[in-house]
C-alpha cells in the first residue's frame, strides 16, 4: 500500500513492513517514538517507513488485517 508522507513523498509500505513494525510495538521493547531503535530492531524498516507507518497507522491496520 502506498502512503504519502508530510513532504508528499510516496512510500510503499508492505504487509511485511507493517507486521515487522507491529511485532516491535507489541513486544514492548521500546517506545515507538524512538525511531532509530525501531529501525535497528526491525528486519527491513527505514526511518522514513517507520514515520510513514506511524502517520498512517489506522489506515494500514485496516488494510492489512
C-alpha atoms as a PDB file:
ATOM      1  CA  UNK A   1       0.000   0.000   0.000  1.00  0.00           C
ATOM      2  CA  UNK A   2       1.396   3.397  -0.905  1.00  0.00           C
ATOM      3  CA  UNK A   3       1.145   6.146   1.680  1.00  0.00           C
ATOM      4  CA  UNK A   4       2.102   9.792   1.401  1.00  0.00           C
ATOM      5  CA  UNK A   5       4.457  11.434   3.872  1.00  0.00           C
ATOM      6  CA  UNK A   6       4.234  15.017   5.093  1.00  0.00           C
ATOM      7  CA  UNK A   7       6.607  16.028   2.299  1.00  0.00           C
ATOM      8  CA  UNK A   8       4.138  14.478  -0.192  1.00  0.00           C
ATOM      9  CA  UNK A   9       6.555  11.647  -0.970  1.00  0.00           C
ATOM     10  CA  UNK A  10       5.003   8.267  -1.753  1.00  0.00           C
ATOM     11  CA  UNK A  11       6.433   5.375   0.245  1.00  0.00           C
ATOM     12  CA  UNK A  12       5.436   1.793  -0.378  1.00  0.00           C
ATOM     13  CA  UNK A  13       4.570   0.014   2.878  1.00  0.00           C
ATOM     14  CA  UNK A  14       4.195  -3.737   2.512  1.00  0.00           C
ATOM     15  CA  UNK A  15       2.286  -6.043   4.813  1.00  0.00           C
ATOM     16  CA  UNK A  16       5.676  -7.412   5.891  1.00  0.00           C
ATOM     17  CA  UNK A  17       6.824  -3.885   6.833  1.00  0.00           C
ATOM     18  CA  UNK A  18       3.689  -3.268   8.857  1.00  0.00           C
ATOM     19  CA  UNK A  19       3.866  -6.621  10.649  1.00  0.00           C
ATOM     20  CA  UNK A  20       7.546  -6.031  11.413  1.00  0.00           C
ATOM     21  CA  UNK A  21       6.600  -2.693  12.973  1.00  0.00           C
ATOM     22  CA  UNK A  22       3.756  -4.268  14.960  1.00  0.00           C
ATOM     23  CA  UNK A  23       5.980  -7.073  16.253  1.00  0.00           C
ATOM     24  CA  UNK A  24       8.295  -4.493  17.773  1.00  0.00           C
ATOM     25  CA  UNK A  25       5.351  -2.461  19.063  1.00  0.00           C
ATOM     26  CA  UNK A  26       3.674  -5.434  20.746  1.00  0.00           C
ATOM     27  CA  UNK A  27       6.948  -6.686  22.243  1.00  0.00           C
ATOM     28  CA  UNK A  28       7.141  -3.557  24.415  1.00  0.00           C
ATOM     29  CA  UNK A  29      10.913  -3.434  23.962  1.00  0.00           C
ATOM     30  CA  UNK A  30      10.993   0.276  23.139  1.00  0.00           C
ATOM     31  CA  UNK A  31       8.937   3.409  22.853  1.00  0.00           C
ATOM     32  CA  UNK A  32       7.923   3.514  19.200  1.00  0.00           C
ATOM     33  CA  UNK A  33       8.877   7.203  19.017  1.00  0.00           C
ATOM     34  CA  UNK A  34      12.495   6.026  19.344  1.00  0.00           C
ATOM     35  CA  UNK A  35      12.563   5.512  15.584  1.00  0.00           C
ATOM     36  CA  UNK A  36      16.307   4.852  15.438  1.00  0.00           C
ATOM     37  CA  UNK A  37      15.978   1.882  17.783  1.00  0.00           C
ATOM     38  CA  UNK A  38      12.880   0.622  15.961  1.00  0.00           C
ATOM     39  CA  UNK A  39      14.913   0.623  12.734  1.00  0.00           C
ATOM     40  CA  UNK A  40      17.727  -1.297  14.463  1.00  0.00           C
ATOM     41  CA  UNK A  41      15.305  -3.882  15.869  1.00  0.00           C
ATOM     42  CA  UNK A  42      13.464  -4.364  12.594  1.00  0.00           C
ATOM     43  CA  UNK A  43      14.250  -6.658   9.715  1.00  0.00           C
ATOM     44  CA  UNK A  44      13.922  -4.096   6.932  1.00  0.00           C
ATOM     45  CA  UNK A  45      12.357  -0.837   8.134  1.00  0.00           C
ATOM     46  CA  UNK A  46      13.871   2.549   7.416  1.00  0.00           C
ATOM     47  CA  UNK A  47      13.278   5.750   9.348  1.00  0.00           C
ATOM     48  CA  UNK A  48      11.019   7.021   6.555  1.00  0.00           C
ATOM     49  CA  UNK A  49       8.969   3.816   6.577  1.00  0.00           C
ATOM     50  CA  UNK A  50       8.582   3.949  10.372  1.00  0.00           C
ATOM     51  CA  UNK A  51       7.382   7.538  10.261  1.00  0.00           C
ATOM     52  CA  UNK A  52       5.002   6.746   7.395  1.00  0.00           C
ATOM     53  CA  UNK A  53       3.573   3.805   9.362  1.00  0.00           C
ATOM     54  CA  UNK A  54       3.123   5.985  12.437  1.00  0.00           C
ATOM     55  CA  UNK A  55       1.349   8.681  10.441  1.00  0.00           C
ATOM     56  CA  UNK A  56      -0.908   6.218   8.605  1.00  0.00           C
ATOM     57  CA  UNK A  57      -1.239   3.512  11.274  1.00  0.00           C
ATOM     58  CA  UNK A  58      -5.040   3.220  11.368  1.00  0.00           C
ATOM     59  CA  UNK A  59      -5.345   3.062   7.590  1.00  0.00           C
ATOM     60  CA  UNK A  60      -2.577   0.451   7.332  1.00  0.00           C
ATOM     61  CA  UNK A  61      -4.050  -1.585  10.174  1.00  0.00           C
ATOM     62  CA  UNK A  62      -7.387  -1.780   8.353  1.00  0.00           C
ATOM     63  CA  UNK A  63      -5.677  -2.643   5.054  1.00  0.00           C
ATOM     64  CA  UNK A  64      -3.519  -5.443   6.438  1.00  0.00           C
ATOM     65  CA  UNK A  65      -5.903  -7.080   8.957  1.00  0.00           C
END
